[in-house]
Amino acid sequence: MAILIGSNVLSVPSSTAISAFDGDTFVTKEKQYIRLSGIDAPETGRCGSTEAKKALESLVIGKPLYIKVLYHTGARSNGLVYGKSGLVNAEMLRQGWAIYNDRDNVDLPELAKATKEARENKRGIFSSLCTQTVNAEKPSCDIKGNVLENGDKRYHLPSCASYAATVVQLYNGDTWFCTETDAKKAGFTKSDRCFP
């Protein structure tokens, strides 16, 4: 198989994906689970998860792939996946169906550039489908619930100082609430940026 890595075309042994588990993990014909390093697609059931899985399927199913394994976690191999047109990890970011993560220690400028391009062009999960400042579906349910990186859950009322700048990222587990009671029942606490 000939693949494009950077500006070089290389001939390498290939593998083939037979199914996608979600938007960042697939299974090869050899029954290996491969997770795309440096990216996170929405978890199953979250906004954009179905679209992310379909995007990955279109990029890998039945196509020759070169898999550069970086490390293993349990039964899963984590790495960079190249197809005939280039790095699949970057293409998922470019289409907007995943976000860049640096916890895998994958320091490729191509990944950061691809996610920046998707954000700027509001593609995929960065579109109003999954990234919102206004609840267009139910305008009266205007309490913003955010899940922080450390797992803490905060809600923001329209009267909160941080409300206008708060973005609801549905792909990340954020949500809208109709009442404070609903937010509290879901395990969210009022933001400390909400003054009496």
C-alpha atoms as a PDB file:
ATOM      1  CA  MET A   1       0.000   0.000   0.000  1.00  0.00           C
ATOM      2  CA  ALA A   2       1.254   3.499  -0.812  1.00  0.00           C
ATOM      3  CA  ILE A   3       0.357   6.166   1.751  1.00  0.00           C
ATOM      4  CA  LEU A   4       1.003   9.847   2.199  1.00  0.00           C
ATOM      5  CA  ILE A   5       2.881  10.728   5.420  1.00  0.00           C
ATOM      6  CA  GLY A   6       3.611  14.443   5.485  1.00  0.00           C
ATOM      7  CA  SER A   7       4.900  15.100   1.965  1.00  0.00           C
ATOM      8  CA  ASN A   8       6.314  11.582   1.480  1.00  0.00           C
ATOM      9  CA  VAL A   9       4.606   8.706  -0.310  1.00  0.00           C
ATOM     10  CA  LEU A  10       5.657   5.412   1.283  1.00  0.00           C
ATOM     11  CA  SER A  11       4.967   1.774   0.509  1.00  0.00           C
ATOM     12  CA  VAL A  12       3.945  -0.008   3.722  1.00  0.00           C
ATOM     13  CA  PRO A  13       2.126  -3.151   4.872  1.00  0.00           C
ATOM     14  CA  SER A  14      -1.577  -2.517   5.300  1.00  0.00           C
ATOM     15  CA  SER A  15      -4.492  -3.580   7.418  1.00  0.00           C
ATOM     16  CA  THR A  16      -8.239  -3.180   6.897  1.00  0.00           C
ATOM     17  CA  ALA A  17     -11.007  -2.094   9.257  1.00  0.00           C
ATOM     18  CA  ILE A  18     -14.163  -4.183   9.364  1.00  0.00           C
ATOM     19  CA  SER A  19     -16.240  -2.094  11.782  1.00  0.00           C
ATOM     20  CA  ALA A  20     -16.198   1.091  13.837  1.00  0.00           C
ATOM     21  CA  PHE A  21     -16.900   0.898  17.554  1.00  0.00           C
ATOM     22  CA  ASP A  22     -17.480   4.664  17.805  1.00  0.00           C
ATOM     23  CA  GLY A  23     -15.962   7.836  16.314  1.00  0.00           C
ATOM     24  CA  ASP A  24     -12.398   7.160  17.428  1.00  0.00           C
ATOM     25  CA  THR A  25     -12.100   3.356  17.671  1.00  0.00           C
ATOM     26  CA  PHE A  26     -12.396   0.642  15.045  1.00  0.00           C
ATOM     27  CA  VAL A  27     -11.783  -3.091  14.671  1.00  0.00           C
ATOM     28  CA  THR A  28      -9.459  -4.586  12.057  1.00  0.00           C
ATOM     29  CA  LYS A  29      -9.953  -7.830  10.146  1.00  0.00           C
ATOM     30  CA  GLU A  30      -7.340  -9.290  12.535  1.00  0.00           C
ATOM     31  CA  LYS A  31      -9.762  -8.454  15.407  1.00  0.00           C
ATOM     32  CA  GLN A  32      -7.522  -5.712  16.821  1.00  0.00           C
ATOM     33  CA  TYR A  33      -9.192  -2.723  18.475  1.00  0.00           C
ATOM     34  CA  ILE A  34      -7.486   0.471  17.276  1.00  0.00           C
ATOM     35  CA  ARG A  35      -8.051   3.837  18.936  1.00  0.00           C
ATOM     36  CA  LEU A  36      -7.022   6.992  17.105  1.00  0.00           C
ATOM     37  CA  SER A  37      -4.459   8.775  19.288  1.00  0.00           C
ATOM     38  CA  GLY A  38      -4.631  12.514  19.863  1.00  0.00           C
ATOM     39  CA  ILE A  39      -8.384  12.793  19.344  1.00  0.00           C
ATOM     40  CA  ASP A  40     -11.615  12.271  21.272  1.00  0.00           C
ATOM     41  CA  ALA A  41     -14.907  11.725  19.477  1.00  0.00           C
ATOM     42  CA  PRO A  42     -18.193  12.239  21.351  1.00  0.00           C
ATOM     43  CA  GLU A  43     -19.131   9.357  23.635  1.00  0.00           C
ATOM     44  CA  THR A  44     -21.961   7.135  22.393  1.00  0.00           C
ATOM     45  CA  GLY A  45     -25.305   8.830  23.004  1.00  0.00           C
ATOM     46  CA  ARG A  46     -23.905  12.369  23.061  1.00  0.00           C
ATOM     47  CA  CYS A  47     -24.425  14.985  20.395  1.00  0.00           C
ATOM     48  CA  GLY A  48     -22.449  14.121  17.261  1.00  0.00           C
ATOM     49  CA  SER A  49     -21.602  10.553  18.279  1.00  0.00           C
ATOM     50  CA  THR A  50     -23.616   8.936  15.464  1.00  0.00           C
ATOM     51  CA  GLU A  51     -22.170  11.306  12.866  1.00  0.00           C
ATOM     52  CA  ALA A  52     -18.627  10.755  14.185  1.00  0.00           C
ATOM     53  CA  LYS A  53     -18.997   6.984  13.911  1.00  0.00           C
ATOM     54  CA  LYS A  54     -20.304   7.298  10.336  1.00  0.00           C
ATOM     55  CA  ALA A  55     -17.417   9.616   9.409  1.00  0.00           C
ATOM     56  CA  LEU A  56     -14.853   7.150  10.776  1.00  0.00           C
ATOM     57  CA  GLU A  57     -16.553   4.271   8.950  1.00  0.00           C
ATOM     58  CA  SER A  58     -16.330   6.162   5.662  1.00  0.00           C
ATOM     59  CA  LEU A  59     -12.609   6.768   6.208  1.00  0.00           C
ATOM     60  CA  VAL A  60     -11.527   3.274   7.289  1.00  0.00           C
ATOM     61  CA  ILE A  61     -14.000   0.459   6.523  1.00  0.00           C
ATOM     62  CA  GLY A  62     -12.720  -1.774   3.746  1.00  0.00           C
ATOM     63  CA  LYS A  63      -9.804   0.551   2.968  1.00  0.00           C
ATOM     64  CA  PRO A  64      -6.095  -0.207   3.181  1.00  0.00           C
ATOM     65  CA  LEU A  65      -4.665   1.382   6.324  1.00  0.00           C
ATOM     66  CA  TYR A  66      -1.248   1.765   7.866  1.00  0.00           C
ATOM     67  CA  ILE A  67      -1.425   1.739  11.659  1.00  0.00           C
ATOM     68  CA  LYS A  68       1.481   3.163  13.645  1.00  0.00           C
ATOM     69  CA  VAL A  69       0.861   1.850  17.165  1.00  0.00           C
ATOM     70  CA  LEU A  70       2.114   4.249  19.854  1.00  0.00           C
ATOM     71  CA  TYR A  71       1.047   2.310  22.950  1.00  0.00           C
ATOM     72  CA  HIS A  72      -1.431  -0.268  24.271  1.00  0.00           C
ATOM     73  CA  THR A  73      -4.173   0.050  26.888  1.00  0.00           C
ATOM     74  CA  GLY A  74      -5.641  -3.319  27.717  1.00  0.00           C
ATOM     75  CA  ALA A  75      -6.811  -5.021  24.538  1.00  0.00           C
ATOM     76  CA  ARG A  76      -6.737  -1.773  22.592  1.00  0.00           C
ATOM     77  CA  SER A  77      -3.878  -0.375  20.506  1.00  0.00           C
ATOM     78  CA  ASN A  78      -3.585   3.406  20.325  1.00  0.00           C
ATOM     79  CA  GLY A  79      -1.926   5.048  17.375  1.00  0.00           C
ATOM     80  CA  LEU A  80      -1.819   7.042  14.201  1.00  0.00           C
ATOM     81  CA  VAL A  81      -3.809   5.676  11.280  1.00  0.00           C
ATOM     82  CA  TYR A  82      -2.914   6.522   7.707  1.00  0.00           C
ATOM     83  CA  GLY A  83      -5.038   5.915   4.634  1.00  0.00           C
ATOM     84  CA  LYS A  84      -4.294   6.657   0.998  1.00  0.00           C
ATOM     85  CA  SER A  85      -5.163  10.332   1.460  1.00  0.00           C
ATOM     86  CA  GLY A  86      -3.235  10.883   4.697  1.00  0.00           C
ATOM     87  CA  LEU A  87      -3.708  10.839   8.460  1.00  0.00           C
ATOM     88  CA  VAL A  88      -7.195   9.639   9.461  1.00  0.00           C
ATOM     89  CA  ASN A  89      -6.792  11.170  12.961  1.00  0.00           C
ATOM     90  CA  ALA A  90      -6.381  14.623  11.368  1.00  0.00           C
ATOM     91  CA  GLU A  91      -9.271  14.102   8.940  1.00  0.00           C
ATOM     92  CA  MET A  92     -11.670  13.323  11.817  1.00  0.00           C
ATOM     93  CA  LEU A  93     -10.588  16.614  13.425  1.00  0.00           C
ATOM     94  CA  ARG A  94     -10.826  18.519  10.130  1.00  0.00           C
ATOM     95  CA  GLN A  95     -14.398  17.315   9.611  1.00  0.00           C
ATOM     96  CA  GLY A  96     -15.229  18.446  13.143  1.00  0.00           C
ATOM     97  CA  TRP A  97     -16.293  15.060  14.520  1.00  0.00           C
ATOM     98  CA  ALA A  98     -13.617  14.934  17.226  1.00  0.00           C
ATOM     99  CA  ILE A  99     -11.606  17.234  19.452  1.00  0.00           C
ATOM    100  CA  TYR A 100      -7.833  17.294  19.790  1.00  0.00           C
ATOM    101  CA  ASN A 101      -6.381  15.985  23.048  1.00  0.00           C
ATOM    102  CA  ASP A 102      -2.772  16.203  24.063  1.00  0.00           C
ATOM    103  CA  ARG A 103      -2.843  13.593  26.817  1.00  0.00           C
ATOM    104  CA  ASP A 104      -1.596  10.986  24.315  1.00  0.00           C
ATOM    105  CA  ASN A 105       1.583  13.054  23.856  1.00  0.00           C
ATOM    106  CA  VAL A 106       0.959  13.200  20.126  1.00  0.00           C
ATOM    107  CA  ASP A 107       2.561  16.479  19.200  1.00  0.00           C
ATOM    108  CA  LEU A 108       1.670  16.809  15.541  1.00  0.00           C
ATOM    109  CA  PRO A 109       1.009  20.358  14.292  1.00  0.00           C
ATOM    110  CA  GLU A 110      -1.325  18.811  11.702  1.00  0.00           C
ATOM    111  CA  LEU A 111      -3.758  17.772  14.460  1.00  0.00           C
ATOM    112  CA  ALA A 112      -3.886  21.191  16.122  1.00  0.00           C
ATOM    113  CA  LYS A 113      -4.281  22.862  12.714  1.00  0.00           C
ATOM    114  CA  ALA A 114      -7.119  20.513  11.719  1.00  0.00           C
ATOM    115  CA  THR A 115      -9.123  21.125  14.902  1.00  0.00           C
ATOM    116  CA  LYS A 116      -8.568  24.893  14.635  1.00  0.00           C
ATOM    117  CA  GLU A 117      -9.898  24.789  11.069  1.00  0.00           C
ATOM    118  CA  ALA A 118     -13.007  22.851  12.160  1.00  0.00           C
ATOM    119  CA  ARG A 119     -13.712  25.276  15.032  1.00  0.00           C
ATOM    120  CA  GLU A 120     -13.272  28.359  12.857  1.00  0.00           C
ATOM    121  CA  ASN A 121     -15.550  26.926  10.168  1.00  0.00           C
ATOM    122  CA  LYS A 122     -18.063  25.566  12.719  1.00  0.00           C
ATOM    123  CA  ARG A 123     -18.002  22.051  11.339  1.00  0.00           C
ATOM    124  CA  GLY A 124     -19.407  18.938  12.992  1.00  0.00           C
ATOM    125  CA  ILE A 125     -19.583  19.182  16.773  1.00  0.00           C
ATOM    126  CA  PHE A 126     -18.516  22.833  16.602  1.00  0.00           C
ATOM    127  CA  SER A 127     -21.672  23.730  14.648  1.00  0.00           C
ATOM    128  CA  SER A 128     -24.860  24.903  16.350  1.00  0.00           C
ATOM    129  CA  LEU A 129     -25.919  21.244  16.362  1.00  0.00           C
ATOM    130  CA  CYS A 130     -23.643  20.526  19.347  1.00  0.00           C
ATOM    131  CA  THR A 131     -22.107  23.864  20.436  1.00  0.00           C
ATOM    132  CA  GLN A 132     -24.695  26.376  21.630  1.00  0.00           C
ATOM    133  CA  THR A 133     -25.075  29.672  23.431  1.00  0.00           C
ATOM    134  CA  VAL A 134     -28.857  29.731  22.918  1.00  0.00           C
ATOM    135  CA  ASN A 135     -31.289  26.851  23.277  1.00  0.00           C
ATOM    136  CA  ALA A 136     -33.026  27.106  19.890  1.00  0.00           C
ATOM    137  CA  GLU A 137     -35.010  23.907  20.479  1.00  0.00           C
ATOM    138  CA  LYS A 138     -36.555  25.019  23.800  1.00  0.00           C
ATOM    139  CA  PRO A 139     -35.891  28.747  24.371  1.00  0.00           C
ATOM    140  CA  SER A 140     -37.631  28.715  27.770  1.00  0.00           C
ATOM    141  CA  CYS A 141     -35.115  26.132  29.041  1.00  0.00           C
ATOM    142  CA  ASP A 142     -32.242  28.582  29.286  1.00  0.00           C
ATOM    143  CA  ILE A 143     -30.158  27.320  32.222  1.00  0.00           C
ATOM    144  CA  LYS A 144     -26.740  26.248  30.951  1.00  0.00           C
ATOM    145  CA  GLY A 145     -25.190  23.122  32.491  1.00  0.00           C
ATOM    146  CA  ASN A 146     -21.447  22.603  32.025  1.00  0.00           C
ATOM    147  CA  VAL A 147     -19.329  19.564  32.826  1.00  0.00           C
ATOM    148  CA  LEU A 148     -15.831  20.765  33.736  1.00  0.00           C
ATOM    149  CA  GLU A 149     -12.600  18.945  32.862  1.00  0.00           C
ATOM    150  CA  ASN A 150     -12.270  17.703  36.447  1.00  0.00           C
ATOM    151  CA  GLY A 151     -15.800  16.237  36.295  1.00  0.00           C
ATOM    152  CA  ASP A 152     -17.477  18.957  38.377  1.00  0.00           C
ATOM    153  CA  LYS A 153     -20.899  19.999  37.124  1.00  0.00           C
ATOM    154  CA  ARG A 154     -21.968  23.662  37.234  1.00  0.00           C
ATOM    155  CA  TYR A 155     -25.092  25.435  36.055  1.00  0.00           C
ATOM    156  CA  HIS A 156     -25.410  29.059  34.978  1.00  0.00           C
ATOM    157  CA  LEU A 157     -28.587  31.130  35.239  1.00  0.00           C
ATOM    158  CA  PRO A 158     -29.264  33.989  32.790  1.00  0.00           C
ATOM    159  CA  SER A 159     -28.582  36.384  35.701  1.00  0.00           C
ATOM    160  CA  CYS A 160     -25.070  34.971  36.296  1.00  0.00           C
ATOM    161  CA  ALA A 161     -22.082  37.141  35.396  1.00  0.00           C
ATOM    162  CA  SER A 162     -20.602  34.340  33.282  1.00  0.00           C
ATOM    163  CA  TYR A 163     -23.815  33.452  31.419  1.00  0.00           C
ATOM    164  CA  ALA A 164     -23.173  35.260  28.119  1.00  0.00           C
ATOM    165  CA  ALA A 165     -19.688  33.742  27.798  1.00  0.00           C
ATOM    166  CA  THR A 166     -20.799  30.225  28.762  1.00  0.00           C
ATOM    167  CA  VAL A 167     -21.051  27.766  25.878  1.00  0.00           C
ATOM    168  CA  VAL A 168     -23.068  24.544  26.045  1.00  0.00           C
ATOM    169  CA  GLN A 169     -21.012  21.807  24.383  1.00  0.00           C
ATOM    170  CA  LEU A 170     -23.537  18.992  24.038  1.00  0.00           C
ATOM    171  CA  TYR A 171     -20.836  16.662  22.677  1.00  0.00           C
ATOM    172  CA  ASN A 172     -18.965  17.046  25.978  1.00  0.00           C
ATOM    173  CA  GLY A 173     -21.898  16.198  28.268  1.00  0.00           C
ATOM    174  CA  ASP A 174     -23.109  19.777  28.751  1.00  0.00           C
ATOM    175  CA  THR A 175     -26.863  20.249  28.758  1.00  0.00           C
ATOM    176  CA  TRP A 176     -29.760  22.684  29.049  1.00  0.00           C
ATOM    177  CA  PHE A 177     -32.140  22.814  32.013  1.00  0.00           C
ATOM    178  CA  CYS A 178     -35.595  24.328  32.384  1.00  0.00           C
ATOM    179  CA  THR A 179     -35.384  24.837  36.156  1.00  0.00           C
ATOM    180  CA  GLU A 180     -32.755  25.027  38.891  1.00  0.00           C
ATOM    181  CA  THR A 181     -34.456  22.029  40.498  1.00  0.00           C
ATOM    182  CA  ASP A 182     -33.801  19.982  37.330  1.00  0.00           C
ATOM    183  CA  ALA A 183     -30.147  21.056  37.345  1.00  0.00           C
ATOM    184  CA  LYS A 184     -29.701  20.130  40.999  1.00  0.00           C
ATOM    185  CA  LYS A 185     -31.411  16.734  40.499  1.00  0.00           C
ATOM    186  CA  ALA A 186     -28.901  16.014  37.719  1.00  0.00           C
ATOM    187  CA  GLY A 187     -26.009  16.674  40.105  1.00  0.00           C
ATOM    188  CA  PHE A 188     -25.149  20.218  38.989  1.00  0.00           C
ATOM    189  CA  THR A 189     -24.346  23.020  41.445  1.00  0.00           C
ATOM    190  CA  LYS A 190     -24.707  26.741  40.850  1.00  0.00           C
ATOM    191  CA  SER A 191     -21.621  28.411  39.394  1.00  0.00           C
ATOM    192  CA  ASP A 192     -19.630  30.530  41.826  1.00  0.00           C
ATOM    193  CA  ARG A 193     -19.885  33.272  39.180  1.00  0.00           C
ATOM    194  CA  CYS A 194     -23.604  33.582  40.006  1.00  0.00           C
ATOM    195  CA  PHE A 195     -24.050  36.315  42.559  1.00  0.00           C
ATOM    196  CA  PRO A 196     -27.230  36.831  44.600  1.00  0.00           C
END
